[in-house]
């Protein structure tokens, strides 16, 4: 069912995609990915307040979902709330750990944010620092125990 919604979304048939994703949500309530997909379909239709609410539900279901944060950051950017946009985009990059297109998209939106600030005549402020996820240290190998000689 979700694949059908994705096809509609990719075709630009956002209303149909939304209906399919909502139907899937009935079968899988609380699914963060579906809340996020509905949010994306609503956002594409210009229904930003409804989309933001869906992204909030997605994050309540799955707090480590970076795409909901990027999409919400993009809405804040369009609404002119640059501080909220920056906060969401930086958080998305930190969650994604620079692993996918999601963090790439967040970085592009952060660059756009900086350009918007400059265009508004404000002095460019220092952008929030993105914390890189902590790398796991490899486990230390214990020296092999020597077998006693007989």
Foldseek 3Di string as FASTA:
>chain_A
DLVVLVVCVVVVVLVVSLVVLVVVCVVVPLALVSLQSNLVSCVSVVNNVSSLVSLVSSCVSPVLDLQSLQSNLVSCVVVVVLVSSLVSLLSSCQSCLPPDVSNVSSVVVVVVSQVVCVVVVHDRDDRDDRDHDDDDDDDDDDDDDDDDDD
